[in-house]
Amino acid sequence: MILRTQIEPSLSNLDNLNLIYPWIPNSQSIRPSPQNIERKKHLAQQIDLEWRSYKDYIFHTVFGEKYNVDREETGYTKFVNQKNFEYNHEWAFQPSMFPYDIKCDETNHWILWNSTKDFNYNYDIDIINKIIENHLQCINVLDAPFQFVWYKNPKPTIPEFYHIQVFWISGIN
C-alpha cells in the first residue's frame, strides 16, 4: 500500500507502522540524535543572543524575509519588520535541521512550515497532502514514486508557526 497521508503520532501507532514501514519513525527514533540535541541547544542559545524572537529567526531562515538590526546599548538584535512583511512564501518545505534518529537510511525527514497560521490551526488533511505531494513532485526530478506520512508534533518547539513533521521515501517499499 502506498502511504501519502497524516498519521497519528502516538508511540504505539508509530511502533506498529514502523514494523511494516521501517522508514516511518518509531518510539525509539522520534527524538533527534544526541549530537542533534546538542546542536539544537547551541542554536537556541545563539537565537536568544542574536534575535528578538524565535519568530523573527524563522521568518528569516525558513521564509527568506530580510532582517533589520536593532542597535541597542546592550548589543545587536536581529528582527524582521513584520509591518513590511511580504509573506513571499506562505509555505516552506525543507529538510529538518534536527532530524530524528531513524535507522532506515532512505528516510527523509522534512518540515512543512506555514507563515500565516500558528500551531493551533488545523488544516484539512487533503490540503496538506496535496501541498506535500506538489513539493515532492518538484524535488523528485527523476519521477520516481514516493511515499510520505506526516503529523503535527504533540510538543512543538516553535508554536508561533503551523508546522508538521514529514517523513518521505523515494520508491515503493
Foldseek 3Di string as FASTA:
>chain_A
DFAQFADDPDQVRQVVVCVVVLLGDHPVWPFFDPVLVVVVVVVVVVCVVAEPDVLQVCCCPFVNADWDWDQDPVGIYIGGPVVPDDCPDQKGKAFDSGHTPRPDPQKTKIKIWGSPDFQVDDDDTVVVSVVVVVVVVVVCVVPFAKHKYKDQPPDDPGRRIHMIIMIMGGHDD
